[in-house]
N, C-alpha and C. Protein backbone atom coordinates (compact mmCIF):
# COMPACT_ATOMS: atom_id res chain seq x y z
N MET A 1 3.20 24.36 -1.15
CA MET A 1 3.10 23.27 -0.87
C MET A 1 2.26 22.09 -1.45
N PRO A 2 2.54 20.65 -1.52
CA PRO A 2 2.07 19.91 -2.05
C PRO A 2 0.70 19.69 -1.11
N THR A 3 0.25 18.97 -1.93
CA THR A 3 -1.14 18.54 -0.71
C THR A 3 -0.81 16.80 -0.56
N LEU A 4 -1.53 16.54 0.12
CA LEU A 4 -1.77 15.11 0.30
C LEU A 4 -1.50 13.67 -0.18
N LYS A 5 -2.68 14.78 -1.50
CA LYS A 5 -2.94 13.52 -2.64
C LYS A 5 -1.72 13.96 -3.24
N GLU A 6 -1.56 14.60 -3.75
CA GLU A 6 -0.48 15.08 -4.94
C GLU A 6 0.77 14.70 -4.10
N LYS A 7 1.24 14.60 -2.62
CA LYS A 7 2.19 13.47 -2.09
C LYS A 7 2.44 12.08 -2.21
N PHE A 8 0.61 11.96 -2.40
CA PHE A 8 0.45 10.08 -2.64
C PHE A 8 0.97 9.54 -3.55
N ASP A 9 -0.04 10.88 -4.42
CA ASP A 9 0.55 10.19 -6.26
C ASP A 9 1.78 9.93 -6.48
N ALA A 10 2.56 11.27 -6.16
CA ALA A 10 3.95 11.16 -6.32
C ALA A 10 5.19 10.30 -5.73
N SER A 11 4.87 9.81 -4.47
CA SER A 11 4.82 8.67 -3.69
C SER A 11 4.95 6.75 -5.00
N ALA A 12 3.35 7.01 -5.41
CA ALA A 12 2.84 5.80 -6.13
C ALA A 12 3.72 5.61 -7.23
N ARG A 13 4.50 6.92 -7.79
CA ARG A 13 5.34 7.20 -9.30
C ARG A 13 6.30 6.59 -8.60
N ALA A 14 6.93 6.68 -7.39
CA ALA A 14 8.18 7.02 -7.25
C ALA A 14 8.65 5.58 -7.16
N VAL A 15 7.05 4.69 -6.29
CA VAL A 15 7.38 3.02 -5.88
C VAL A 15 7.84 2.27 -6.84
N GLN A 16 7.14 2.41 -8.02
CA GLN A 16 7.45 2.35 -9.50
C GLN A 16 9.34 2.23 -9.68
N ALA A 17 9.48 3.33 -9.66
CA ALA A 17 10.66 3.51 -9.87
C ALA A 17 12.58 2.90 -9.36
N LEU A 18 11.73 2.56 -7.82
CA LEU A 18 12.36 1.92 -6.75
C LEU A 18 13.71 1.42 -7.60
N LYS A 19 15.01 0.80 -7.15
CA LYS A 19 15.79 0.33 -7.85
C LYS A 19 15.83 -1.34 -7.75
N GLN A 20 15.50 -1.53 -6.63
CA GLN A 20 14.77 -3.05 -6.43
C GLN A 20 13.86 -2.82 -5.26
N ARG A 21 12.98 -4.12 -5.81
CA ARG A 21 11.78 -4.57 -5.49
C ARG A 21 11.93 -4.76 -3.76
N PRO A 22 10.94 -4.41 -3.85
CA PRO A 22 10.99 -4.52 -2.16
C PRO A 22 10.13 -5.89 -1.69
N ASP A 23 10.61 -6.36 -0.77
CA ASP A 23 10.66 -7.93 0.42
C ASP A 23 8.62 -8.12 0.01
N ASN A 24 8.26 -8.97 -0.01
CA ASN A 24 7.17 -9.45 -0.17
C ASN A 24 6.19 -9.01 0.58
N ASP A 25 6.82 -9.06 2.11
CA ASP A 25 6.11 -8.28 3.43
C ASP A 25 5.65 -6.69 2.89
N THR A 26 6.57 -6.04 2.36
CA THR A 26 6.29 -4.35 2.17
C THR A 26 6.04 -4.72 0.91
N LEU A 27 5.30 -5.27 0.08
CA LEU A 27 4.88 -5.09 -1.59
C LEU A 27 3.15 -5.21 -0.92
N LEU A 28 2.90 -6.06 0.29
CA LEU A 28 1.79 -6.64 0.69
C LEU A 28 1.02 -5.42 1.69
N LYS A 29 1.63 -4.80 2.50
CA LYS A 29 1.72 -3.64 3.11
C LYS A 29 1.66 -2.25 2.32
N LEU A 30 2.51 -1.99 0.70
CA LEU A 30 1.93 -1.19 0.05
C LEU A 30 0.56 -1.40 -1.16
N TYR A 31 0.77 -2.63 -1.06
CA TYR A 31 -0.80 -2.74 -1.28
C TYR A 31 -1.91 -2.65 -0.65
N ALA A 32 -1.87 -2.67 0.75
CA ALA A 32 -3.23 -2.71 2.00
C ALA A 32 -3.08 -0.94 1.59
N TYR A 33 -1.99 -0.42 1.93
CA TYR A 33 -2.21 0.65 2.21
C TYR A 33 -3.04 1.79 0.87
N TYR A 34 -2.51 1.37 -0.29
CA TYR A 34 -2.65 1.88 -1.92
C TYR A 34 -4.41 2.11 -1.71
N LYS A 35 -4.69 0.11 -1.29
CA LYS A 35 -6.17 0.17 -1.44
C LYS A 35 -7.21 0.98 -0.52
N GLN A 36 -6.60 0.91 0.26
CA GLN A 36 -7.33 1.61 1.34
C GLN A 36 -7.48 2.81 1.52
N ALA A 37 -6.44 3.19 0.58
CA ALA A 37 -6.24 4.70 0.30
C ALA A 37 -7.55 5.44 -1.22
N THR A 38 -7.05 4.35 -1.45
CA THR A 38 -7.93 5.12 -3.24
C THR A 38 -9.34 4.07 -3.03
N ILE A 39 -9.10 2.83 -2.52
CA ILE A 39 -11.24 2.36 -2.80
C ILE A 39 -11.75 2.52 -1.12
N GLY A 40 -10.78 1.90 -0.09
CA GLY A 40 -11.28 2.44 1.34
C GLY A 40 -11.49 0.72 1.91
N ASP A 41 -12.04 0.51 2.82
CA ASP A 41 -12.13 -0.76 3.15
C ASP A 41 -12.67 -2.17 2.19
N VAL A 42 -12.14 -3.18 2.46
CA VAL A 42 -11.65 -4.43 1.59
C VAL A 42 -12.84 -4.89 1.17
N SER A 43 -13.55 -4.93 0.03
CA SER A 43 -15.53 -6.24 0.13
C SER A 43 -15.24 -7.23 -0.64
N GLY A 44 -16.33 -7.96 -0.38
CA GLY A 44 -15.93 -9.19 -1.18
C GLY A 44 -16.23 -10.67 -0.32
N LYS A 45 -15.61 -11.34 -1.05
CA LYS A 45 -15.10 -12.70 -0.16
C LYS A 45 -14.23 -12.89 -0.59
N ARG A 46 -13.59 -13.57 0.90
CA ARG A 46 -12.03 -14.19 0.68
C ARG A 46 -11.47 -15.54 -0.22
N PRO A 47 -10.58 -14.99 -1.07
CA PRO A 47 -10.55 -16.27 -2.30
C PRO A 47 -10.19 -17.68 -1.60
N GLY A 48 -10.00 -18.07 -2.37
CA GLY A 48 -9.88 -19.29 -2.20
C GLY A 48 -8.40 -19.78 -1.68
N LEU A 49 -8.46 -21.05 -1.32
CA LEU A 49 -7.13 -21.99 -0.33
C LEU A 49 -6.19 -21.75 -1.38
N ILE A 50 -6.77 -21.96 -2.70
CA ILE A 50 -5.76 -22.10 -4.12
C ILE A 50 -5.39 -21.12 -4.61
N ASP A 51 -5.93 -19.91 -4.01
CA ASP A 51 -5.11 -18.41 -4.59
C ASP A 51 -4.47 -18.09 -3.36
N PHE A 52 -3.37 -18.30 -3.58
CA PHE A 52 -2.12 -17.88 -2.19
C PHE A 52 -2.18 -16.49 -2.49
N THR A 53 -1.70 -15.87 -3.40
CA THR A 53 -1.48 -14.37 -3.51
C THR A 53 -3.13 -13.19 -3.52
N GLY A 54 -3.58 -14.08 -4.17
CA GLY A 54 -4.88 -13.20 -3.56
C GLY A 54 -5.78 -13.33 -2.27
N ARG A 55 -5.33 -14.48 -1.47
CA ARG A 55 -5.23 -14.47 -0.22
C ARG A 55 -4.93 -13.42 0.83
N ALA A 56 -3.40 -13.90 0.45
CA ALA A 56 -2.27 -12.70 0.78
C ALA A 56 -2.85 -10.80 0.96
N LYS A 57 -3.08 -10.99 0.07
CA LYS A 57 -3.55 -9.24 -0.58
C LYS A 57 -4.77 -8.67 0.42
N TYR A 58 -6.37 -9.87 -0.08
CA TYR A 58 -7.17 -10.34 1.15
C TYR A 58 -6.80 -9.29 2.33
N ASP A 59 -6.22 -10.61 2.89
CA ASP A 59 -5.96 -10.46 4.27
C ASP A 59 -5.36 -9.28 5.32
N ALA A 60 -3.93 -8.93 3.92
CA ALA A 60 -3.42 -7.70 4.41
C ALA A 60 -4.06 -6.50 4.37
N TRP A 61 -4.77 -5.66 3.10
CA TRP A 61 -6.04 -4.73 2.96
C TRP A 61 -6.87 -4.58 3.89
N SER A 62 -7.56 -6.54 4.62
CA SER A 62 -8.43 -6.16 5.46
C SER A 62 -7.83 -5.65 7.11
N LYS A 63 -6.70 -5.97 6.99
CA LYS A 63 -6.24 -5.66 8.18
C LYS A 63 -6.17 -3.81 8.29
N MET A 64 -6.21 -3.25 7.24
CA MET A 64 -6.58 -1.95 7.63
C MET A 64 -7.88 -1.53 7.65
N LYS A 65 -8.62 -2.23 7.68
CA LYS A 65 -10.02 -2.03 8.14
C LYS A 65 -10.63 -0.73 8.66
N SER A 66 -10.79 0.23 8.95
CA SER A 66 -11.77 1.22 9.44
C SER A 66 -10.43 2.45 9.73
N MET A 67 -9.48 2.40 8.91
CA MET A 67 -8.41 3.15 8.46
C MET A 67 -8.63 4.52 7.49
N PRO A 68 -8.79 5.61 8.34
CA PRO A 68 -9.51 6.85 6.98
C PRO A 68 -8.31 6.77 6.02
N THR A 69 -8.52 7.12 4.63
CA THR A 69 -8.16 7.53 3.97
C THR A 69 -6.54 8.58 3.92
N ASP A 70 -6.58 9.01 5.17
CA ASP A 70 -5.62 10.14 5.10
C ASP A 70 -4.46 9.55 5.65
N GLY A 71 -5.33 8.85 6.42
CA GLY A 71 -4.17 8.39 7.50
C GLY A 71 -3.33 6.74 6.35
N ALA A 72 -4.46 6.42 5.37
CA ALA A 72 -3.57 5.27 4.68
C ALA A 72 -2.74 5.98 3.88
N MET A 73 -2.77 7.37 2.98
CA MET A 73 -2.06 7.73 2.58
C MET A 73 -0.92 8.27 3.24
N GLN A 74 -1.24 8.92 4.18
CA GLN A 74 0.49 9.72 5.11
C GLN A 74 1.30 8.05 5.66
N ALA A 75 0.21 6.62 5.25
CA ALA A 75 1.30 5.55 6.03
C ALA A 75 2.45 5.32 4.64
N TYR A 76 1.20 5.40 3.45
CA TYR A 76 2.07 5.06 2.47
C TYR A 76 3.31 5.77 1.93
N ILE A 77 2.69 7.39 1.68
CA ILE A 77 4.44 8.18 2.23
C ILE A 77 5.69 7.80 2.77
N LYS A 78 5.33 8.03 4.16
CA LYS A 78 6.25 7.19 4.97
C LYS A 78 7.17 5.97 4.98
N LEU A 79 6.25 4.93 4.28
CA LEU A 79 6.56 3.90 3.50
C LEU A 79 7.71 3.94 1.79
N VAL A 80 6.67 4.22 1.66
CA VAL A 80 7.97 4.97 -0.03
C VAL A 80 9.22 5.71 0.34
N GLY A 81 8.50 6.78 1.33
CA GLY A 81 10.12 7.26 1.68
C GLY A 81 11.16 6.52 2.65
N ARG A 82 10.89 5.70 3.24
CA ARG A 82 11.90 4.95 4.04
C ARG A 82 12.11 3.79 2.97
N LEU A 83 11.79 3.39 1.89
CA LEU A 83 11.98 2.46 1.45
C LEU A 83 13.48 2.54 0.27
N LYS A 84 13.02 4.15 -0.57
CA LYS A 84 13.58 5.30 -0.95
C LYS A 84 15.12 5.73 -0.54
N ARG A 85 14.84 5.48 1.05
CA ARG A 85 16.44 6.49 2.05
C ARG A 85 17.21 4.80 2.22
N GLU A 86 16.41 4.11 2.11
CA GLU A 86 16.85 2.63 2.43
C GLU A 86 17.99 1.77 0.73
N GLN A 87 17.15 2.43 -0.30
CA GLN A 87 17.74 2.20 -1.49
C GLN A 87 19.20 3.54 -2.43
N SER A 88 19.23 4.05 -1.31
CA SER A 88 19.99 5.39 -1.90
C SER A 88 21.60 5.16 -1.45
């Protein structure tokens, strides 16, 4: 039986092999769950007004504040599983 970390790593590889690129909102969720699972709570200053992508990523990750690593991994795995089912 694979561990949670092994499932998470497999999901991270699977997301790279998706047939279609997910929409921006889904990409931000994937980014935020991945960062929360691998690094923890967001840190540093929020990017400036002209860095739209940086701000969106920062804000998405910031919403995950205090989410445990295991919870972020499980949410990431679940989201990737849904994307894979939708594209099959």
